[in-house]
Structures are given as structure tokens and as C-alpha cells.
Amino acid sequence: MSLAVPVQAEDAVTLFRIVTVKDEIVVGVTDRDMDDVQGRDVSAVGRALAARGELTLWQFAVRKGPDGELEQAPLRRISILNHASLRVEPYASPLRVVPVSE
């Protein structure tokens, strides 16, 4: 006899680069967050940021994974505030992207 243990599905993550005059960071938007911003591309994120004035997203950073390989992984939740000099760009990481597990 075996027990079926439900496994929580992890959301896929779409990465974006947030660029300001001072710096840039990589953020991840989960499928759940994409539903919240009503779109699946950089335009939807930009429109949501302009309409709301702020978005709370996952900041991603490079780290070494358990296998020793570099990976792009969630670091912390951050709030992005709308600003005239802020730019949102799509970002394609050459590294493995770790899904967000909440």
C-alpha cells in the first residue's frame, strides 16, 4: 500500500531586468503574478507598474546550486516603485532558473 502525497506545483518564472539610472536588478514574475498583472510580457508588467505605482516581485540573483552549477534563484521579495527613469526589459538567463517556492 502506498500513500499519494500531494506535491505543490511550483510556478514557472519569467525573468525581467529592471533598469534605473543608478543600477539594474533581475526580477522574476511567477505565473500567478502574471495573472495578477493581466498579461505575460514586458508590456503587461510596465502597464501594471504605471497603473498601480508599485509592484511586489521576486528579486533573483546568481548562486551555486546543490550540484555546484551556477543558477538564477529567488533571493527576496522586493517592491518596485514606478519612476520616470525606470525601464523594464525582458531577460533571458543563460543559467538554470530556479522556480519560486512559497
C-alpha atoms as a PDB file:
ATOM      1  CA  MET A   1       0.000   0.000   0.000  1.00  0.00           C
ATOM      2  CA  SER A   2       1.346   3.408  -0.892  1.00  0.00           C
ATOM      3  CA  LEU A   3       0.203   6.844   0.087  1.00  0.00           C
ATOM      4  CA  ALA A   4      -0.215   9.539  -2.509  1.00  0.00           C
ATOM      5  CA  VAL A   5       1.347  12.715  -1.207  1.00  0.00           C
ATOM      6  CA  PRO A   6       0.194  15.899  -2.952  1.00  0.00           C
ATOM      7  CA  VAL A   7       3.068  17.890  -4.381  1.00  0.00           C
ATOM      8  CA  GLN A   8       2.621  21.645  -4.572  1.00  0.00           C
ATOM      9  CA  ALA A   9       3.122  22.758  -8.142  1.00  0.00           C
ATOM     10  CA  GLU A  10       5.790  25.389  -8.460  1.00  0.00           C
ATOM     11  CA  ASP A  11       5.028  28.386 -10.647  1.00  0.00           C
ATOM     12  CA  ALA A  12       7.073  28.925 -13.754  1.00  0.00           C
ATOM     13  CA  VAL A  13       9.074  32.145 -13.632  1.00  0.00           C
ATOM     14  CA  THR A  14       9.570  34.801 -16.300  1.00  0.00           C
ATOM     15  CA  LEU A  15      12.625  36.991 -15.739  1.00  0.00           C
ATOM     16  CA  PHE A  16      12.807  40.730 -16.353  1.00  0.00           C
ATOM     17  CA  ARG A  17      15.573  43.274 -15.879  1.00  0.00           C
ATOM     18  CA  ILE A  18      14.624  46.472 -14.029  1.00  0.00           C
ATOM     19  CA  VAL A  19      16.954  49.276 -15.129  1.00  0.00           C
ATOM     20  CA  THR A  20      17.263  52.649 -13.407  1.00  0.00           C
ATOM     21  CA  VAL A  21      19.838  55.429 -13.704  1.00  0.00           C
ATOM     22  CA  LYS A  22      21.635  54.010 -10.651  1.00  0.00           C
ATOM     23  CA  ASP A  23      21.551  50.250 -11.167  1.00  0.00           C
ATOM     24  CA  GLU A  24      19.772  47.232 -12.536  1.00  0.00           C
ATOM     25  CA  ILE A  25      18.339  44.108 -10.984  1.00  0.00           C
ATOM     26  CA  VAL A  26      16.751  40.916 -12.264  1.00  0.00           C
ATOM     27  CA  VAL A  27      13.255  40.105 -11.058  1.00  0.00           C
ATOM     28  CA  GLY A  28      11.136  37.039 -11.531  1.00  0.00           C
ATOM     29  CA  VAL A  29       7.423  37.102 -12.173  1.00  0.00           C
ATOM     30  CA  THR A  30       5.585  33.866 -11.438  1.00  0.00           C
ATOM     31  CA  ASP A  31       2.638  32.647 -13.490  1.00  0.00           C
ATOM     32  CA  ARG A  32       0.422  33.663 -10.554  1.00  0.00           C
ATOM     33  CA  ASP A  33       1.927  37.191 -10.592  1.00  0.00           C
ATOM     34  CA  MET A  34       1.446  37.351 -14.376  1.00  0.00           C
ATOM     35  CA  ASP A  35      -2.258  36.627 -13.924  1.00  0.00           C
ATOM     36  CA  ASP A  36      -2.336  39.491 -11.422  1.00  0.00           C
ATOM     37  CA  VAL A  37      -0.781  41.951 -13.902  1.00  0.00           C
ATOM     38  CA  GLN A  38      -3.110  40.652 -16.620  1.00  0.00           C
ATOM     39  CA  GLY A  39      -0.501  39.676 -19.166  1.00  0.00           C
ATOM     40  CA  ARG A  40       2.535  37.571 -19.901  1.00  0.00           C
ATOM     41  CA  ASP A  41       5.034  40.020 -21.331  1.00  0.00           C
ATOM     42  CA  VAL A  42       7.113  43.099 -20.545  1.00  0.00           C
ATOM     43  CA  SER A  43       4.290  45.432 -21.671  1.00  0.00           C
ATOM     44  CA  ALA A  44       1.894  43.971 -19.100  1.00  0.00           C
ATOM     45  CA  VAL A  45       4.455  44.451 -16.312  1.00  0.00           C
ATOM     46  CA  GLY A  46       5.098  48.046 -17.439  1.00  0.00           C
ATOM     47  CA  ARG A  47       1.382  48.851 -17.647  1.00  0.00           C
ATOM     48  CA  ALA A  48       0.710  47.348 -14.206  1.00  0.00           C
ATOM     49  CA  LEU A  49       3.599  49.316 -12.696  1.00  0.00           C
ATOM     50  CA  ALA A  50       2.365  52.561 -14.278  1.00  0.00           C
ATOM     51  CA  ALA A  51      -1.245  51.980 -13.201  1.00  0.00           C
ATOM     52  CA  ARG A  52      -0.518  50.845  -9.638  1.00  0.00           C
ATOM     53  CA  GLY A  53       2.602  52.868  -8.885  1.00  0.00           C
ATOM     54  CA  GLU A  54       4.337  49.823  -7.370  1.00  0.00           C
ATOM     55  CA  LEU A  55       4.686  46.071  -7.795  1.00  0.00           C
ATOM     56  CA  THR A  56       5.964  43.445  -5.400  1.00  0.00           C
ATOM     57  CA  LEU A  57       8.110  40.877  -7.210  1.00  0.00           C
ATOM     58  CA  TRP A  58      10.866  38.349  -6.536  1.00  0.00           C
ATOM     59  CA  GLN A  59      14.441  39.600  -6.887  1.00  0.00           C
ATOM     60  CA  PHE A  60      16.651  36.935  -8.490  1.00  0.00           C
ATOM     61  CA  ALA A  61      20.401  36.512  -8.072  1.00  0.00           C
ATOM     62  CA  VAL A  62      23.082  34.106  -9.219  1.00  0.00           C
ATOM     63  CA  ARG A  63      24.150  31.412  -6.738  1.00  0.00           C
ATOM     64  CA  LYS A  64      25.752  27.988  -6.731  1.00  0.00           C
ATOM     65  CA  GLY A  65      23.209  25.195  -6.736  1.00  0.00           C
ATOM     66  CA  PRO A  66      23.452  21.934  -4.783  1.00  0.00           C
ATOM     67  CA  ASP A  67      25.235  20.349  -7.757  1.00  0.00           C
ATOM     68  CA  GLY A  68      27.852  23.138  -7.826  1.00  0.00           C
ATOM     69  CA  GLU A  69      26.485  24.689 -11.018  1.00  0.00           C
ATOM     70  CA  LEU A  70      25.540  28.370 -11.167  1.00  0.00           C
ATOM     71  CA  GLU A  71      21.811  29.097 -11.216  1.00  0.00           C
ATOM     72  CA  GLN A  72      19.483  32.094 -11.202  1.00  0.00           C
ATOM     73  CA  ALA A  73      17.481  31.802  -7.956  1.00  0.00           C
ATOM     74  CA  PRO A  74      14.931  33.807  -5.960  1.00  0.00           C
ATOM     75  CA  LEU A  75      16.623  35.984  -3.348  1.00  0.00           C
ATOM     76  CA  ARG A  76      13.832  38.007  -1.685  1.00  0.00           C
ATOM     77  CA  ARG A  77      10.534  39.772  -2.315  1.00  0.00           C
ATOM     78  CA  ILE A  78      11.013  43.430  -3.217  1.00  0.00           C
ATOM     79  CA  SER A  79       8.772  46.349  -4.068  1.00  0.00           C
ATOM     80  CA  ILE A  80       9.419  48.209  -7.323  1.00  0.00           C
ATOM     81  CA  LEU A  81       8.208  51.830  -7.329  1.00  0.00           C
ATOM     82  CA  ASN A  82       7.230  53.494 -10.586  1.00  0.00           C
ATOM     83  CA  HIS A  83       9.627  56.220 -11.713  1.00  0.00           C
ATOM     84  CA  ALA A  84      10.024  58.118 -14.985  1.00  0.00           C
ATOM     85  CA  SER A  85      13.577  56.837 -15.478  1.00  0.00           C
ATOM     86  CA  LEU A  86      12.757  53.182 -14.736  1.00  0.00           C
ATOM     87  CA  ARG A  87      12.827  50.697 -17.617  1.00  0.00           C
ATOM     88  CA  VAL A  88      11.559  47.101 -17.723  1.00  0.00           C
ATOM     89  CA  GLU A  89      13.246  44.719 -20.188  1.00  0.00           C
ATOM     90  CA  PRO A  90      12.830  41.015 -20.894  1.00  0.00           C
ATOM     91  CA  TYR A  91      15.764  38.988 -19.541  1.00  0.00           C
ATOM     92  CA  ALA A  92      16.961  35.604 -20.751  1.00  0.00           C
ATOM     93  CA  SER A  93      19.355  33.986 -18.304  1.00  0.00           C
ATOM     94  CA  PRO A  94      21.983  31.599 -19.671  1.00  0.00           C
ATOM     95  CA  LEU A  95      21.725  29.814 -16.301  1.00  0.00           C
ATOM     96  CA  ARG A  96      19.181  27.366 -14.928  1.00  0.00           C
ATOM     97  CA  VAL A  97      16.275  29.317 -13.390  1.00  0.00           C
ATOM     98  CA  VAL A  98      15.077  28.053 -10.011  1.00  0.00           C
ATOM     99  CA  PRO A  99      11.298  28.267  -9.536  1.00  0.00           C
ATOM    100  CA  VAL A 100       9.855  30.219  -6.635  1.00  0.00           C
ATOM    101  CA  SER A 101       8.598  28.021  -3.799  1.00  0.00           C
ATOM    102  CA  GLU A 102       6.419  29.891  -1.348  1.00  0.00           C
END
